[in-house]
Protein backbone atom coordinates (compact mmCIF):
# COMPACT_ATOMS: atom_id res chain seq x y z
CA MET A 1 2.52 -51.80 -39.65
CA SER A 2 3.28 -50.26 -43.05
CA GLU A 3 6.95 -49.67 -43.78
CA ASN A 4 6.01 -46.14 -44.80
CA ILE A 5 4.81 -45.20 -41.31
CA ILE A 6 7.56 -43.17 -39.61
CA VAL A 7 8.07 -44.15 -35.97
CA THR A 8 10.48 -42.24 -33.70
CA LYS A 9 12.09 -42.96 -30.33
CA ASN A 10 10.12 -42.58 -27.11
CA LEU A 11 10.06 -39.09 -25.69
CA LYS A 12 12.07 -38.68 -22.48
CA TYR A 13 10.94 -36.32 -19.74
CA PRO A 14 11.25 -36.13 -15.93
CA ALA A 15 9.04 -38.46 -13.90
CA ASP A 16 8.29 -35.72 -11.35
CA LEU A 17 6.67 -33.05 -13.48
CA PRO A 18 5.50 -29.81 -11.79
CA ALA A 19 1.93 -29.77 -10.46
CA GLY A 20 0.63 -27.81 -13.43
CA LEU A 21 1.78 -24.98 -15.65
CA GLY A 22 1.00 -22.46 -12.90
CA SER A 23 3.41 -24.17 -10.51
CA LEU A 24 6.19 -24.08 -13.10
CA TYR A 25 5.53 -20.40 -13.85
CA PHE A 26 5.45 -19.50 -10.15
CA LYS A 27 8.70 -21.21 -9.18
CA SER A 28 10.50 -20.00 -12.30
CA MET A 29 9.44 -16.39 -11.75
CA GLN A 30 10.48 -16.53 -8.10
CA LYS A 31 13.91 -17.75 -9.18
CA HIS A 32 14.35 -15.04 -11.84
CA ALA A 33 13.09 -12.36 -9.44
CA LYS A 34 15.86 -13.26 -6.98
CA GLN A 35 18.35 -12.90 -9.83
CA ASN A 36 17.01 -9.39 -10.62
CA LYS A 37 16.23 -10.37 -14.21
CA ILE A 38 14.21 -8.21 -16.58
CA ALA A 39 11.07 -9.95 -17.84
CA GLN A 40 10.00 -7.50 -20.53
CA ILE A 41 10.80 -4.15 -22.10
CA VAL A 42 8.12 -2.03 -23.77
CA HIS A 43 9.64 -0.78 -27.02
CA LYS A 44 7.27 2.19 -27.36
CA THR A 45 8.15 3.68 -23.96
CA GLY A 46 11.40 1.97 -23.00
CA GLU A 47 9.78 0.78 -19.73
CA LYS A 48 11.63 -2.14 -18.13
CA ASP A 49 9.57 -4.63 -16.16
CA SER A 50 11.38 -6.97 -13.78
CA TYR A 51 10.35 -10.54 -12.99
CA ASP A 52 9.85 -9.38 -9.40
CA SER A 53 7.33 -6.70 -10.41
CA LEU A 54 5.60 -8.96 -12.93
CA LEU A 55 5.25 -11.76 -10.38
CA LYS A 56 3.67 -9.40 -7.83
CA ARG A 57 1.08 -8.21 -10.37
CA CYS A 58 0.28 -11.80 -11.34
CA ILE A 59 -0.17 -12.84 -7.70
CA ARG A 60 -2.41 -9.85 -6.95
CA THR A 61 -4.48 -10.61 -10.04
CA ALA A 62 -4.76 -14.27 -9.05
CA LEU A 63 -5.96 -13.26 -5.58
CA TYR A 64 -8.48 -10.85 -7.11
CA LEU A 65 -9.83 -13.59 -9.37
CA GLN A 66 -10.25 -15.89 -6.38
CA GLU A 67 -11.97 -13.12 -4.40
CA ILE A 68 -14.62 -12.67 -7.11
CA GLY A 69 -15.26 -16.40 -7.22
CA ILE A 70 -13.15 -17.59 -10.15
CA LYS A 71 -12.13 -21.20 -9.65
CA LYS A 72 -10.48 -24.09 -11.46
CA ASP A 73 -11.69 -24.59 -15.05
CA ASP A 74 -13.48 -21.22 -15.25
CA VAL A 75 -12.62 -19.35 -18.46
CA VAL A 76 -10.73 -16.06 -18.22
CA CYS A 77 -10.60 -14.10 -21.48
CA LEU A 78 -8.15 -11.50 -22.77
CA VAL A 79 -9.04 -9.05 -25.56
CA GLY A 80 -6.38 -6.60 -26.67
CA SER A 81 -2.99 -6.03 -28.23
CA VAL A 82 0.40 -6.68 -26.64
CA HIS A 83 1.28 -4.38 -23.72
CA VAL A 84 3.13 -4.58 -20.41
CA ASN A 85 0.21 -6.22 -18.58
CA SER A 86 -1.30 -8.36 -21.35
CA CYS A 87 0.43 -11.49 -20.04
CA VAL A 88 -0.75 -10.95 -16.44
CA PRO A 89 -4.25 -12.50 -16.68
CA TYR A 90 -2.75 -15.36 -18.69
CA ILE A 91 -0.24 -16.18 -15.94
CA ALA A 92 -2.61 -15.40 -13.05
CA SER A 93 -5.22 -17.78 -14.47
CA HIS A 94 -2.69 -20.60 -14.42
CA PHE A 95 -1.83 -19.75 -10.81
CA ILE A 96 -5.42 -20.58 -9.75
CA GLY A 97 -6.21 -23.36 -12.23
CA ALA A 98 -8.54 -21.26 -14.38
CA ILE A 99 -8.38 -21.60 -18.16
CA PRO A 100 -7.11 -18.54 -20.05
CA SER A 101 -8.10 -17.79 -23.62
CA CYS A 102 -7.98 -14.81 -25.93
CA ILE A 103 -10.13 -13.25 -28.65
CA ALA A 104 -8.24 -11.55 -31.47
CA ILE A 105 -9.00 -7.84 -31.78
CA ASP A 106 -8.89 -7.89 -35.59
CA TYR A 107 -11.72 -10.40 -35.90
CA PRO A 108 -15.08 -9.12 -37.23
CA LYS A 109 -17.72 -8.50 -34.58
CA GLU A 110 -19.87 -11.37 -35.90
CA ASP A 111 -16.98 -13.79 -35.30
CA LYS A 112 -16.34 -12.33 -31.86
CA LYS A 113 -19.99 -12.94 -30.99
CA LYS A 114 -19.64 -16.61 -31.86
CA LEU A 115 -16.36 -17.01 -29.99
CA VAL A 116 -17.74 -15.39 -26.83
CA LYS A 117 -20.74 -17.71 -26.99
CA ILE A 118 -18.38 -20.70 -27.20
CA LEU A 119 -16.09 -19.57 -24.37
CA GLU A 120 -18.67 -18.09 -21.97
CA PRO A 121 -15.91 -16.29 -20.03
CA LYS A 122 -16.41 -15.38 -16.38
CA VAL A 123 -13.95 -12.46 -16.62
CA ILE A 124 -12.76 -10.37 -19.56
CA PHE A 125 -9.53 -8.36 -19.38
CA THR A 126 -9.41 -5.71 -22.10
CA LEU A 127 -8.43 -2.19 -23.14
CA PRO A 128 -10.82 0.80 -22.94
CA GLU A 129 -11.39 0.90 -26.70
CA HIS A 130 -12.80 -2.64 -26.71
CA VAL A 131 -15.06 -2.46 -23.64
CA GLU A 132 -18.24 -1.23 -25.33
CA GLU A 133 -18.10 -3.85 -28.07
CA MET A 134 -17.43 -6.71 -25.64
CA GLN A 135 -20.16 -5.49 -23.28
CA SER A 136 -22.72 -5.55 -26.09
CA ILE A 137 -21.67 -9.07 -27.07
CA CYS A 138 -22.00 -10.31 -23.49
CA MET A 139 -25.45 -8.72 -23.23
CA LEU A 140 -26.47 -10.50 -26.44
CA TRP A 141 -25.78 -13.89 -24.80
CA ASN A 142 -26.95 -12.87 -21.31
CA LEU A 143 -23.44 -13.37 -19.95
CA ARG A 144 -22.61 -11.63 -16.69
CA ALA A 145 -18.89 -11.48 -17.29
CA LYS A 146 -16.83 -9.27 -15.02
CA PHE A 147 -14.65 -6.71 -16.83
CA VAL A 148 -11.17 -5.58 -15.86
CA VAL A 149 -9.87 -2.69 -17.95
CA PHE A 150 -6.21 -1.86 -18.64
CA GLY A 151 -6.70 1.89 -18.42
CA GLU A 152 -9.43 4.31 -17.41
CA TYR A 153 -13.07 3.31 -17.83
CA LYS A 154 -15.45 4.58 -15.16
CA GLU A 155 -18.08 1.85 -15.30
CA GLU A 156 -15.71 -1.12 -14.88
CA THR A 157 -12.93 -2.28 -12.58
CA GLY A 158 -9.55 -0.89 -13.58
CA PHE A 159 -6.44 -3.03 -13.54
CA GLU A 160 -4.82 -0.54 -11.18
CA ASP A 161 -7.52 -1.40 -8.63
CA VAL A 162 -6.68 -5.08 -9.02
CA ASN A 163 -2.97 -4.37 -8.70
CA GLN A 164 -3.12 -3.02 -5.15
CA PRO A 165 -1.05 -4.58 -2.34
CA ASN A 166 -2.83 -7.58 -0.84
CA PRO A 167 -2.15 -8.82 2.71
CA ASN A 168 -2.15 -12.39 1.39
CA GLU A 169 0.29 -11.94 -1.47
CA ASP A 170 3.44 -12.96 0.44
CA LYS A 171 1.96 -16.32 1.41
CA PHE A 172 0.30 -17.06 -1.94
CA GLU A 173 0.84 -20.50 -3.46
CA PRO A 174 -0.45 -21.64 -6.86
CA VAL A 175 -3.18 -24.26 -7.11
CA GLU A 176 -1.79 -27.76 -7.64
CA ILE A 177 -3.18 -29.61 -10.64
CA LYS A 178 -3.73 -33.25 -9.67
CA ASN A 179 -4.43 -34.52 -13.19
CA LEU A 180 -2.00 -33.04 -15.71
CA LYS A 181 -4.27 -34.10 -18.56
CA ASP A 182 -6.79 -31.47 -17.43
CA THR A 183 -7.21 -28.60 -19.88
CA ALA A 184 -4.72 -25.83 -19.12
CA ILE A 185 -5.48 -23.33 -21.86
CA MET A 186 -7.49 -22.78 -25.01
CA TYR A 187 -5.94 -21.45 -28.18
CA PHE A 188 -7.76 -20.99 -31.45
CA SER A 189 -7.16 -22.48 -34.87
CA SER A 190 -6.04 -20.05 -37.55
CA GLY A 191 -9.53 -19.18 -38.79
CA THR A 192 -8.21 -18.53 -42.31
CA THR A 193 -11.01 -20.52 -43.97
CA GLY A 194 -13.82 -20.23 -41.40
CA LEU A 195 -14.63 -19.65 -37.76
CA PRO A 196 -11.70 -20.57 -35.47
CA LYS A 197 -12.08 -23.59 -33.20
CA ALA A 198 -11.11 -23.45 -29.51
CA ILE A 199 -8.36 -26.03 -29.01
CA CYS A 200 -8.03 -27.47 -25.49
CA LEU A 201 -4.41 -28.14 -24.52
CA ASN A 202 -3.51 -29.87 -21.28
CA HIS A 203 -0.87 -29.21 -18.64
CA PHE A 204 1.11 -32.33 -19.53
CA SER A 205 1.59 -31.23 -23.15
CA MET A 206 2.63 -27.71 -22.20
CA LEU A 207 5.04 -28.94 -19.53
CA ILE A 208 6.90 -31.61 -21.49
CA ASN A 209 7.43 -29.22 -24.38
CA LEU A 210 9.35 -27.05 -21.93
CA ILE A 211 11.29 -29.62 -19.92
CA LYS A 212 11.72 -32.65 -22.19
CA ASP A 213 15.20 -34.09 -22.76
CA LYS A 214 17.08 -31.74 -25.11
CA ASN A 215 20.53 -33.33 -25.10
CA THR A 216 22.26 -32.69 -28.43
CA GLU A 217 24.06 -35.44 -30.31
CA ASN A 218 27.10 -34.51 -32.44
CA PRO A 219 27.15 -30.87 -31.25
CA ASP A 220 28.56 -28.06 -33.36
CA TYR A 221 30.75 -26.22 -30.85
CA ASP A 222 31.33 -23.25 -33.16
CA VAL A 223 27.59 -22.57 -33.11
CA ILE A 224 27.37 -23.06 -29.35
CA LYS A 225 30.26 -20.64 -28.82
CA HIS A 226 28.66 -18.09 -31.15
CA TRP A 227 25.39 -18.26 -29.21
CA ALA A 228 27.23 -17.76 -25.92
CA ASN A 229 29.08 -14.72 -27.26
CA ALA A 230 25.98 -13.21 -28.87
CA VAL A 231 23.92 -13.04 -25.67
CA ASP A 232 24.43 -9.76 -23.82
CA THR A 233 23.11 -9.51 -20.24
CA ASN A 234 20.19 -11.87 -20.91
CA PHE A 235 18.70 -13.86 -23.78
CA THR A 236 16.27 -11.51 -25.53
CA MET A 237 13.37 -12.10 -27.89
CA ILE A 238 10.71 -10.07 -29.71
CA GLU A 239 7.01 -10.41 -28.85
CA TYR A 240 4.20 -8.85 -30.88
CA ILE A 241 1.55 -11.57 -31.27
CA GLU A 242 -1.68 -11.70 -29.25
CA TYR A 243 -2.31 -14.71 -26.98
CA PHE A 244 -5.05 -15.79 -29.39
CA TRP A 245 -2.26 -17.75 -31.09
CA ILE A 246 -0.21 -20.57 -29.59
CA SER A 247 3.02 -19.03 -30.90
CA ALA A 248 2.62 -16.19 -28.38
CA GLY A 249 1.91 -18.57 -25.51
CA VAL A 250 4.83 -20.85 -26.35
CA CYS A 251 7.23 -17.90 -26.49
CA LEU A 252 5.92 -16.59 -23.16
CA SER A 253 6.17 -20.01 -21.50
CA GLN A 254 9.72 -20.54 -22.74
CA SER A 255 10.67 -17.05 -21.56
CA ILE A 256 9.26 -17.60 -18.07
CA HIS A 257 10.81 -21.05 -17.77
CA SER A 258 14.26 -19.89 -18.91
CA GLY A 259 14.25 -16.30 -17.63
CA PHE A 260 14.42 -14.62 -21.04
CA THR A 261 13.64 -10.95 -21.68
CA ARG A 262 10.82 -10.13 -24.12
CA ILE A 263 10.77 -6.92 -26.18
CA LEU A 264 7.10 -5.95 -26.47
CA LEU A 265 5.87 -4.45 -29.74
CA GLU A 266 2.26 -3.39 -30.34
CA LYS A 267 2.70 -4.74 -33.86
CA PHE A 268 5.52 -6.06 -36.01
CA GLU A 269 7.58 -3.15 -37.37
CA VAL A 270 9.08 -4.16 -40.70
CA SER A 271 10.68 -0.77 -41.38
CA ASN A 272 12.40 -0.68 -37.96
CA PHE A 273 13.02 -4.40 -37.44
CA TRP A 274 16.79 -4.35 -37.84
CA GLN A 275 17.12 -1.22 -35.68
CA ILE A 276 15.12 -2.97 -32.93
CA VAL A 277 17.39 -6.01 -33.16
CA ASP A 278 20.41 -3.74 -32.80
CA LYS A 279 18.99 -1.58 -29.98
CA TYR A 280 17.97 -4.45 -27.70
CA LYS A 281 20.57 -6.99 -28.87
CA VAL A 282 17.75 -9.35 -29.82
CA ASN A 283 18.74 -13.03 -29.92
CA PHE A 284 15.54 -14.65 -31.17
CA ALA A 285 12.84 -13.42 -33.53
CA TYR A 286 9.67 -15.26 -34.52
CA VAL A 287 8.76 -13.82 -37.90
CA VAL A 288 5.63 -14.69 -39.86
CA ALA A 289 6.17 -15.51 -43.51
CA ASN A 290 4.61 -12.39 -45.05
CA TYR A 291 6.78 -10.15 -42.89
CA ALA A 292 9.86 -12.19 -43.81
CA ASN A 293 9.29 -11.41 -47.48
CA ASP A 294 9.12 -7.71 -46.61
CA LEU A 295 12.34 -7.86 -44.58
CA ILE A 296 14.26 -9.06 -47.62
CA ARG A 297 13.33 -5.86 -49.44
CA ILE A 298 14.79 -3.75 -46.63
CA SER A 299 18.56 -3.79 -46.47
CA ILE A 300 20.17 -3.68 -43.04
CA PRO A 301 21.28 -0.09 -42.32
CA GLU A 302 25.05 0.34 -42.25
CA ASN A 303 24.99 1.57 -38.65
CA CYS A 304 23.03 -1.51 -37.43
CA ASN A 305 24.82 -4.41 -35.77
CA VAL A 306 22.57 -7.48 -35.88
CA SER A 307 25.19 -10.05 -34.88
CA SER A 308 23.22 -10.72 -31.68
CA LEU A 309 20.44 -12.40 -33.72
CA VAL A 310 21.23 -16.11 -33.44
CA LEU A 311 17.83 -17.57 -34.34
CA MET A 312 15.08 -16.45 -36.70
CA LEU A 313 12.11 -18.78 -36.99
CA ILE A 314 9.84 -18.22 -39.99
CA ALA A 315 6.34 -19.60 -39.55
CA GLY A 316 2.66 -19.04 -40.19
CA THR A 317 2.63 -20.24 -43.77
CA ARG A 318 4.92 -21.72 -46.40
CA ILE A 319 7.79 -19.58 -47.64
CA SER A 320 10.11 -19.99 -50.61
CA ALA A 321 13.61 -21.42 -50.40
CA GLU A 322 14.88 -18.21 -52.02
CA CYS A 323 13.49 -16.17 -49.13
CA ILE A 324 15.17 -18.37 -46.52
CA VAL A 325 18.51 -18.20 -48.36
CA ALA A 326 18.25 -14.42 -48.73
CA LEU A 327 17.61 -13.96 -45.00
CA ARG A 328 20.51 -16.24 -44.11
CA LYS A 329 22.82 -14.03 -46.15
CA MET A 330 21.66 -10.97 -44.20
CA VAL A 331 22.64 -12.28 -40.75
CA HIS A 332 25.73 -13.80 -39.12
CA PRO A 333 27.05 -16.97 -40.85
CA LEU A 334 26.57 -18.98 -37.65
CA ALA A 335 23.06 -17.63 -37.05
CA THR A 336 20.13 -19.93 -37.78
CA VAL A 337 17.23 -19.04 -40.07
CA LEU A 338 14.64 -21.79 -40.28
CA GLN A 339 11.15 -22.38 -41.56
CA GLY A 340 9.07 -23.94 -38.79
CA TYR A 341 6.00 -26.14 -38.86
CA ALA A 342 3.63 -26.28 -35.93
CA GLN A 343 0.12 -27.46 -35.20
CA THR A 344 -1.83 -25.92 -32.33
CA GLU A 345 -3.56 -29.27 -31.82
CA PHE A 346 -0.13 -30.72 -30.94
CA CYS A 347 0.86 -27.86 -28.65
CA GLY A 348 3.51 -26.57 -31.02
CA ALA A 349 6.08 -27.97 -33.41
CA ASN A 350 5.29 -31.14 -35.35
CA THR A 351 8.80 -31.40 -36.80
CA TYR A 352 12.14 -30.04 -35.69
CA TYR A 353 15.82 -29.49 -36.38
CA ASP A 354 18.29 -29.47 -33.50
CA ILE A 355 20.11 -26.23 -34.29
CA TYR A 356 23.23 -27.36 -32.38
CA ASN A 357 23.51 -30.74 -34.13
CA LYS A 358 26.04 -30.83 -37.01
CA ASP A 359 24.04 -33.33 -39.05
CA HIS A 360 20.83 -31.36 -38.63
CA ARG A 361 22.58 -28.13 -39.57
CA ARG A 362 23.87 -29.72 -42.76
CA LEU A 363 20.35 -30.84 -43.66
CA PHE A 364 18.61 -27.53 -43.10
CA THR A 365 21.43 -25.66 -44.84
CA GLU A 366 21.17 -27.88 -47.91
CA LYS A 367 17.36 -27.92 -47.80
CA PRO A 368 16.20 -24.39 -46.96
CA GLN A 369 12.54 -25.14 -47.64
CA SER A 370 12.43 -28.15 -45.34
CA VAL A 371 10.55 -27.66 -42.05
CA GLY A 372 12.39 -30.33 -40.10
CA LEU A 373 12.75 -33.98 -39.19
CA PRO A 374 10.21 -36.10 -37.30
CA SER A 375 9.98 -35.00 -33.65
CA ILE A 376 10.95 -37.53 -31.00
CA GLY A 377 7.93 -39.33 -29.57
CA TYR A 378 5.71 -38.87 -32.63
CA THR A 379 4.49 -41.20 -35.38
CA TYR A 380 3.80 -39.99 -38.93
CA LYS A 381 2.18 -41.13 -42.12
CA VAL A 382 1.51 -39.36 -45.40
CA VAL A 383 -1.61 -40.66 -47.14
CA ASP A 384 -3.00 -40.31 -50.63
CA MET A 385 -5.91 -37.88 -50.41
CA THR A 386 -8.15 -40.09 -52.54
CA THR A 387 -7.15 -43.73 -51.93
CA LYS A 388 -5.77 -43.23 -48.37
CA GLU A 389 -2.74 -45.32 -49.36
CA ILE A 390 0.24 -44.71 -47.06
CA LEU A 391 2.88 -43.07 -49.22
CA GLY A 392 6.66 -43.28 -49.20
CA PRO A 393 9.33 -40.61 -49.78
CA ASN A 394 8.83 -37.79 -52.28
CA LYS A 395 5.11 -38.39 -52.74
CA GLN A 396 2.62 -35.69 -51.81
CA GLY A 397 -0.30 -36.46 -49.55
CA GLU A 398 -2.03 -35.44 -46.33
CA LEU A 399 0.08 -35.61 -43.17
CA LEU A 400 -1.38 -37.59 -40.27
CA VAL A 401 0.35 -37.51 -36.87
CA LYS A 402 0.06 -39.27 -33.54
CA GLY A 403 1.91 -38.11 -30.42
CA PRO A 404 1.92 -37.43 -26.67
CA THR A 405 1.05 -33.73 -26.86
CA ILE A 406 -2.22 -34.09 -28.76
CA MET A 407 -5.04 -31.79 -27.67
CA ASN A 408 -7.84 -32.85 -25.35
CA GLY A 409 -10.24 -31.86 -28.11
CA TYR A 410 -12.15 -28.85 -29.40
CA TYR A 411 -14.12 -26.95 -26.79
CA LYS A 412 -17.83 -27.78 -27.08
CA MET A 413 -17.22 -29.49 -30.43
CA ASP A 414 -16.87 -33.10 -31.55
CA ALA A 415 -13.39 -33.84 -32.92
CA LYS A 416 -13.85 -37.50 -33.90
CA ASP A 417 -13.84 -36.72 -37.63
CA ASP A 418 -10.41 -35.11 -37.23
CA PHE A 419 -8.83 -38.50 -36.45
CA ASP A 420 -8.56 -41.68 -38.51
CA ASP A 421 -9.42 -45.17 -37.26
CA GLU A 422 -5.90 -45.65 -35.86
CA GLY A 423 -5.96 -42.45 -33.81
CA PHE A 424 -3.83 -40.34 -36.15
CA TYR A 425 -4.74 -36.66 -36.30
CA LYS A 426 -5.54 -35.36 -39.79
CA THR A 427 -3.48 -32.19 -40.11
CA GLY A 428 -5.15 -30.96 -43.29
CA ASP A 429 -1.69 -30.20 -44.71
CA ILE A 430 -0.32 -31.49 -48.01
CA VAL A 431 3.29 -32.53 -47.41
CA TYR A 432 6.03 -34.88 -48.52
CA TYR A 433 9.28 -36.09 -47.02
CA ASP A 434 12.54 -37.09 -48.68
CA GLU A 435 14.99 -39.96 -48.16
CA ASP A 436 16.46 -38.22 -45.08
CA LYS A 437 12.93 -37.87 -43.67
CA SER A 438 13.13 -34.09 -43.97
CA PHE A 439 9.57 -32.79 -44.32
CA TYR A 440 8.29 -30.17 -46.76
CA ILE A 441 4.98 -28.30 -46.65
CA VAL A 442 3.21 -28.01 -49.98
CA ASP A 443 -0.15 -26.44 -49.12
CA ARG A 444 -3.26 -26.69 -47.01
CA ILE A 445 -5.80 -29.14 -48.43
CA LYS A 446 -8.33 -26.31 -48.27
CA GLY A 447 -5.90 -24.21 -50.29
CA ALA A 448 -5.74 -26.77 -53.09
CA ILE A 449 -7.68 -25.77 -56.21
CA LYS A 450 -9.61 -28.42 -58.16
CA TYR A 451 -9.50 -27.68 -61.90
CA LYS A 452 -11.31 -30.39 -63.88
CA LEU A 453 -9.50 -33.60 -62.85
CA PHE A 454 -6.37 -31.76 -61.70
CA ILE A 455 -5.27 -30.44 -58.30
CA VAL A 456 -3.40 -27.13 -58.27
CA CYS A 457 -1.54 -26.08 -55.12
CA SER A 458 -2.05 -22.37 -54.58
CA SER A 459 1.39 -22.09 -52.98
CA ASP A 460 3.08 -23.23 -56.21
CA ILE A 461 1.52 -20.33 -58.12
CA GLU A 462 2.24 -17.89 -55.28
CA ASP A 463 5.92 -18.86 -55.38
CA ILE A 464 6.10 -17.98 -59.09
CA LEU A 465 4.23 -14.71 -58.60
CA MET A 466 6.65 -13.68 -55.85
CA LYS A 467 9.55 -14.03 -58.31
CA HIS A 468 8.16 -11.20 -60.44
CA PRO A 469 10.18 -8.07 -59.55
CA ALA A 470 7.05 -5.90 -59.36
CA VAL A 471 5.10 -8.21 -57.05
CA ARG A 472 5.28 -7.42 -53.35
CA GLN A 473 2.62 -9.83 -52.06
CA ALA A 474 0.35 -12.43 -53.66
CA ALA A 475 -2.46 -14.78 -52.77
CA VAL A 476 -3.92 -17.49 -55.00
CA PHE A 477 -7.28 -19.22 -54.66
CA GLY A 478 -9.97 -20.88 -56.74
CA THR A 479 -13.08 -19.21 -58.12
CA ALA A 480 -16.03 -21.39 -59.06
CA ASN A 481 -16.62 -22.22 -62.71
CA PRO A 482 -19.61 -24.26 -63.92
CA GLU A 483 -17.63 -26.19 -66.53
CA ASP A 484 -14.19 -26.58 -64.95
CA MET A 485 -15.09 -26.68 -61.20
CA ASN A 486 -12.60 -23.92 -60.31
CA HIS A 487 -10.26 -21.48 -62.01
CA VAL A 488 -6.92 -20.40 -60.56
CA THR A 489 -7.25 -16.76 -59.49
CA ALA A 490 -4.76 -14.32 -57.98
CA VAL A 491 -4.83 -11.06 -56.04
CA VAL A 492 -1.56 -9.16 -56.03
CA VAL A 493 0.00 -6.19 -54.27
CA VAL A 494 2.59 -4.56 -56.54
CA GLU A 495 5.56 -2.42 -55.58
CA GLU A 496 4.81 1.29 -55.30
CA GLY A 497 5.39 3.09 -58.59
CA SER A 498 5.33 -0.09 -60.66
CA GLN A 499 3.94 0.21 -64.20
CA VAL A 500 3.28 -3.51 -64.65
CA THR A 501 -0.23 -4.52 -65.76
CA GLN A 502 -2.47 -7.29 -64.47
CA GLU A 503 -2.25 -9.05 -67.84
CA GLU A 504 1.56 -8.95 -67.79
CA VAL A 505 1.60 -10.59 -64.36
CA ARG A 506 -0.80 -13.27 -65.54
CA GLU A 507 1.34 -13.96 -68.62
CA PHE A 508 4.44 -14.14 -66.40
CA VAL A 509 2.91 -17.11 -64.58
CA ASP A 510 1.15 -18.77 -67.50
CA GLY A 511 4.41 -18.88 -69.44
CA GLN A 512 6.03 -21.03 -66.73
CA VAL A 513 3.34 -23.56 -65.81
CA ASP A 514 1.42 -26.46 -67.30
CA ASP A 515 -1.88 -25.62 -68.97
CA TYR A 516 -4.03 -26.74 -66.02
CA LYS A 517 -2.19 -24.36 -63.67
CA ARG A 518 -2.78 -21.22 -65.73
CA ILE A 519 -4.49 -18.25 -64.07
CA ARG A 520 -7.82 -18.52 -65.84
CA GLY A 521 -9.65 -16.62 -63.10
CA GLY A 522 -7.54 -13.53 -63.70
CA VAL A 523 -5.20 -11.32 -61.70
CA LYS A 524 -6.43 -8.34 -59.72
CA PHE A 525 -4.24 -5.68 -58.15
CA VAL A 526 -5.24 -4.68 -54.62
CA LYS A 527 -3.82 -2.29 -52.03
CA SER A 528 -3.51 -4.97 -49.37
CA ILE A 529 -4.25 -8.64 -48.77
CA PRO A 530 -6.20 -9.49 -45.60
CA ILE A 531 -4.06 -11.33 -43.08
CA THR A 532 -4.38 -12.46 -39.48
CA SER A 533 -2.22 -10.97 -36.71
CA THR A 534 0.21 -13.86 -37.27
CA GLY A 535 0.55 -13.07 -40.96
CA LYS A 536 -1.60 -15.86 -42.36
CA ILE A 537 -3.72 -14.94 -45.35
CA LYS A 538 -7.45 -14.85 -44.57
CA THR A 539 -8.48 -17.17 -47.38
CA SER A 540 -12.17 -16.75 -46.62
CA ALA A 541 -11.91 -13.01 -47.41
CA LEU A 542 -10.06 -13.28 -50.73
CA ARG A 543 -13.02 -13.86 -53.03
CA SER A 544 -14.64 -10.59 -51.98
CA LEU A 545 -11.58 -8.77 -53.34
CA MET A 546 -12.49 -9.91 -56.86
CA GLU A 547 -15.91 -8.25 -56.73
């Protein structure tokens, strides 16, 4: 084995794992219900939803699904934004061994058509405003999916009809999963460069991510004490992401397992973020990178106390070290602000820092742009994108990973080309690691721009653009050129009232980079840059902005 392959210790987890994710959810919710814990609070209305009430609705929905013939491995689909009942079909599906999935509401209808054809759902849970569109798509593929509507819609079953008392609810037990490698759920890839792929994750992967050994070596007791003091009546976190994305499912699963309270937002509210943290004494916030940049521009109001915020995880795409440092200065000195790195195909994080470990805290404090150390149980190699040579520290290449939480595959698609001959998954990410084995994300391979014989990482140019005082948001990509292959091109959102010109922004970058990195494709000012609901830039839509 090459000395440059990074091998970690074996992952430790209990021998007697629960009989599926549904079993873990069910027992955890029963426990939290007895403790009178609050499962979620709707920010828009202030409605508090207890674990007891949520569990009843999930059981009644599970019984309804069984009554209409839904069984193990049938696909149950959710279409809609975050609301008090959006998690119910997700949980109820796990109770009966069905496979939940979600279609993002902001996707174009043509993409939704393709995703529905892939999933072939037996039931679709949605909001009234999406019923007509989803009905027409199902008719296109001759699918006889049953609809359940969160709200009033005369022609379809309403969720209130599903949520009626059932004589069997008190004796309900979740279906036991005999083979934990069976598919538990399907999430989708980001879809930033093309149609998303349905990623099949199994029960084993989901379970061990929740209950693996998390004993901390060399603990920082000041941090542990701060966390204990920061939590009010219950550990509280913000939720605003649809279940189309694994980040939403991981946060929900961790909340159910640990009894956390989720603050439900229909969408991320940059202007009111700090007030929301103060109002609900939020302890954890998952913030996508583009929103993080916006938060830096908004100072914390003097009357806001955000000392409850002990962990802010920045994810979705690469972010600058300056942004991380700026956010750290805005919160409590013992709070943790980190840039995360996750892969849906691996059921979550590929790298990690133990936020209670003194050595880890030193590393991520000194290296704000690092996304973590190798996760226990995983094997890593960084390979040259041309020669496939396995690279050592401080050399950029594609990250390949092997580990116990790897996906079952892509639904109705062949995934063999996504693995090398040794079984390592090709992440498609350009990375490097240093002498401490701290990893750094450089770019997506698909985001790399080929100019003549050179490779330009779009993220490098974006970082420079974001340092211009008039630039609020930027995205860089390549536009085809018959002589040079591609030219570096940028679309930019400038601060309101700014008098800067497109040429001045281009010169700002060109004056700081090597000749091959210059913005030959031009800079164009736009009102907004298309992003997904998790804040990732829709790369496939950028070129149309130049027209």
